[in-house]
Amino acid sequence: MSVVIRTLKEADYEAVSRIYAEGIATGIATFETEVLDWPDWNDKYISSCRLVAIIADKVVGFAVLSKVSNREVYKGVAEVSVYVSNHHKGKGIGEDLLNQLIIESENKSFWTLQASIFSENRASINLHIKCGFKVVGIREKIGNYTGNGMIICYWKKELINQFYNKHINV
């Protein structure tokens, strides 16, 4: 199985939306209840850091960044989202995507990546640990998605990149 990681294109969105719908169906991947159409999805995610995983010319996963704030001071901080199709989970594709997204984000001068992960989502927690993320907080009863207050664990990874070298002289 040869996996190719490349930049996400608009033509990939049909497959991306199917994979995202699978994530919604789990009840532990997102608070969203429906898939956005392309224009709204395109507005939501940072255009410079969008990746897909391809096997045999099929999109089997994706990783994207979204803004955490519109405030200028947070321009180098982004929220990570990684999704892999149900048929391809457990094969290292999420790790390949997230590691490449980390590299891409450093090249685009992001200095912190964060992830908000449902406490029940062990696969995502394990993925983020493998890729160097650390828990920085827990929020209880943050949403009422399933009728129960959900617990969200906040994770972050600080990136050593050109920003630090330029501004902090590391």
Protein backbone atom coordinates (compact mmCIF):
# COMPACT_ATOMS: atom_id res chain seq x y z
CA MET A 1 0.00 0.00 0.00
CA SER A 2 1.67 3.17 -1.20
CA VAL A 3 0.33 6.38 0.34
CA VAL A 4 0.92 9.71 -1.36
CA ILE A 5 0.40 12.91 0.64
CA ARG A 6 -0.31 15.97 -1.48
CA THR A 7 -2.06 19.33 -1.39
CA LEU A 8 -5.85 19.14 -1.28
CA LYS A 9 -7.61 20.40 -4.40
CA GLU A 10 -11.22 21.46 -4.87
CA ALA A 11 -11.75 18.32 -6.96
CA ASP A 12 -10.93 16.24 -3.83
CA TYR A 13 -13.79 17.76 -1.86
CA GLU A 14 -16.40 15.13 -2.74
CA ALA A 15 -14.22 12.42 -1.17
CA VAL A 16 -13.20 14.71 1.70
CA SER A 17 -16.86 15.41 2.49
CA ARG A 18 -17.65 11.66 2.56
CA ILE A 19 -14.77 11.02 4.95
CA TYR A 20 -15.89 13.93 7.14
CA ALA A 21 -19.45 12.52 7.18
CA GLU A 22 -17.99 9.25 8.51
CA GLY A 23 -16.34 11.26 11.28
CA ILE A 24 -19.61 13.01 12.13
CA ALA A 25 -21.35 9.62 12.34
CA THR A 26 -18.96 8.44 15.08
CA GLY A 27 -20.24 11.09 17.49
CA ILE A 28 -16.71 11.59 18.88
CA ALA A 29 -14.87 13.41 16.11
CA THR A 30 -16.66 16.77 15.86
CA PHE A 31 -19.60 18.74 17.23
CA GLU A 32 -20.70 19.39 13.65
CA THR A 33 -23.83 17.53 12.57
CA GLU A 34 -23.66 18.08 8.83
CA VAL A 35 -21.07 18.46 6.12
CA LEU A 36 -20.51 21.97 4.78
CA ASP A 37 -20.75 22.73 1.08
CA TRP A 38 -17.48 23.57 -0.70
CA PRO A 39 -17.68 27.39 -0.44
CA ASP A 40 -18.31 27.31 3.32
CA TRP A 41 -15.72 24.58 3.88
CA ASN A 42 -13.20 26.50 1.78
CA ASP A 43 -13.76 29.62 3.90
CA LYS A 44 -13.41 27.68 7.17
CA TYR A 45 -9.97 26.14 6.61
CA ILE A 46 -6.62 27.84 6.04
CA SER A 47 -5.86 27.50 2.34
CA SER A 48 -2.09 27.13 2.67
CA CYS A 49 -2.16 23.96 4.81
CA ARG A 50 -4.58 21.41 3.38
CA LEU A 51 -3.46 17.88 2.65
CA VAL A 52 -4.97 14.65 1.38
CA ALA A 53 -3.73 11.07 1.54
CA ILE A 54 -4.09 9.16 -1.73
CA ILE A 55 -4.02 5.40 -2.29
CA ALA A 56 -4.57 4.05 -5.81
CA ASP A 57 -5.81 7.46 -6.99
CA LYS A 58 -8.44 7.64 -4.20
CA VAL A 59 -8.58 10.16 -1.35
CA VAL A 60 -8.49 8.14 1.88
CA GLY A 61 -7.83 10.90 4.41
CA PHE A 62 -7.24 14.59 4.89
CA ALA A 63 -5.64 17.04 7.31
CA VAL A 64 -6.35 20.75 7.53
CA LEU A 65 -5.80 23.78 9.74
CA SER A 66 -8.32 26.36 10.88
CA LYS A 67 -7.83 29.71 12.59
CA VAL A 68 -8.23 29.82 16.35
CA SER A 69 -8.87 33.56 16.28
CA ASN A 70 -9.08 36.48 13.88
CA ARG A 71 -6.87 38.54 16.19
CA GLU A 72 -3.46 39.33 14.71
CA VAL A 73 -1.56 38.05 17.78
CA TYR A 74 -2.84 34.52 17.07
CA LYS A 75 -1.97 34.41 13.37
CA GLY A 76 0.64 31.69 14.00
CA VAL A 77 -1.69 29.45 16.01
CA ALA A 78 -4.00 26.99 14.26
CA GLU A 79 -6.39 24.16 15.07
CA VAL A 80 -5.59 20.76 13.54
CA SER A 81 -8.21 18.45 12.00
CA VAL A 82 -7.27 14.98 10.72
CA TYR A 83 -9.72 12.47 9.28
CA VAL A 84 -9.14 9.04 7.72
CA SER A 85 -11.78 6.94 5.95
CA ASN A 86 -13.22 4.07 7.96
CA HIS A 87 -11.73 1.51 5.56
CA HIS A 88 -8.20 2.86 6.00
CA LYS A 89 -7.97 3.48 9.76
CA GLY A 90 -5.18 1.85 11.74
CA LYS A 91 -2.69 1.88 8.85
CA GLY A 92 -0.60 4.92 9.80
CA ILE A 93 -2.29 7.27 7.34
CA GLY A 94 -3.36 9.73 10.03
CA GLU A 95 0.20 9.85 11.32
CA ASP A 96 1.56 10.45 7.81
CA LEU A 97 -0.95 13.27 7.30
CA LEU A 98 -0.36 14.93 10.66
CA ASN A 99 3.43 14.75 10.39
CA GLN A 100 3.32 16.32 6.93
CA LEU A 101 0.86 18.96 8.17
CA ILE A 102 3.30 19.84 10.96
CA ILE A 103 6.07 20.32 8.38
CA GLU A 104 3.81 22.38 6.11
CA SER A 105 2.67 24.56 9.00
CA GLU A 106 6.25 25.25 10.10
CA ASN A 107 7.11 26.24 6.54
CA LYS A 108 4.17 28.69 6.64
CA SER A 109 5.46 30.23 9.93
CA PHE A 110 2.88 28.79 12.32
CA TRP A 111 4.34 28.49 15.81
CA THR A 112 1.67 26.52 17.68
CA LEU A 113 -0.77 23.85 16.57
CA GLN A 114 -3.60 22.82 18.81
CA ALA A 115 -6.21 20.09 18.74
CA SER A 116 -9.50 19.75 20.59
CA ILE A 117 -10.19 16.04 21.02
CA PHE A 118 -13.16 14.28 22.58
CA SER A 119 -11.96 12.24 25.56
CA GLU A 120 -13.60 9.14 24.03
CA ASN A 121 -11.62 9.45 20.80
CA ARG A 122 -8.68 7.22 21.76
CA ALA A 123 -7.41 6.88 18.19
CA SER A 124 -7.05 10.65 17.81
CA ILE A 125 -5.48 11.00 21.26
CA ASN A 126 -2.92 8.29 20.43
CA LEU A 127 -2.20 9.90 17.04
CA HIS A 128 -1.51 13.30 18.58
CA ILE A 129 0.72 11.79 21.27
CA LYS A 130 2.74 9.98 18.57
CA CYS A 131 3.18 13.28 16.74
CA GLY A 132 4.43 15.16 19.80
CA PHE A 133 1.31 16.93 21.07
CA LYS A 134 0.87 17.41 24.84
CA VAL A 135 -2.29 17.90 26.91
CA VAL A 136 -2.63 21.52 27.99
CA GLY A 137 -6.14 21.46 29.41
CA ILE A 138 -9.46 19.75 29.83
CA ARG A 139 -12.88 21.36 29.50
CA GLU A 140 -15.89 19.54 30.90
CA LYS A 141 -19.48 19.97 29.77
CA ILE A 142 -18.29 22.06 26.84
CA GLY A 143 -21.04 20.92 24.50
CA ASN A 144 -24.32 19.05 24.71
CA TYR A 145 -23.95 17.14 21.46
CA THR A 146 -25.16 13.74 22.71
CA GLY A 147 -27.32 14.82 25.61
CA ASN A 148 -24.37 14.42 27.95
CA GLY A 149 -21.84 17.11 28.66
CA MET A 150 -18.82 16.25 26.54
CA ILE A 151 -15.27 16.36 27.85
CA ILE A 152 -12.78 17.90 25.46
CA CYS A 153 -9.04 17.54 25.95
CA TYR A 154 -6.95 20.38 24.56
CA TRP A 155 -3.62 19.42 23.05
CA LYS A 156 -0.86 21.54 21.59
CA LYS A 157 2.45 21.23 19.81
CA GLU A 158 4.87 24.11 19.76
CA LEU A 159 6.85 24.39 16.56
CA ILE A 160 10.47 25.49 16.44
CA ASN A 161 10.67 27.33 13.18
CA GLN A 162 11.79 30.43 11.40
CA PHE A 163 9.51 32.57 13.60
CA TYR A 164 11.43 31.65 16.73
CA ASN A 165 14.78 31.92 15.03
CA LYS A 166 13.95 35.38 13.71
CA HIS A 167 12.16 36.86 16.73
CA ILE A 168 13.61 35.08 19.74
CA ASN A 169 17.14 34.32 18.51
CA VAL A 170 17.11 30.67 19.56
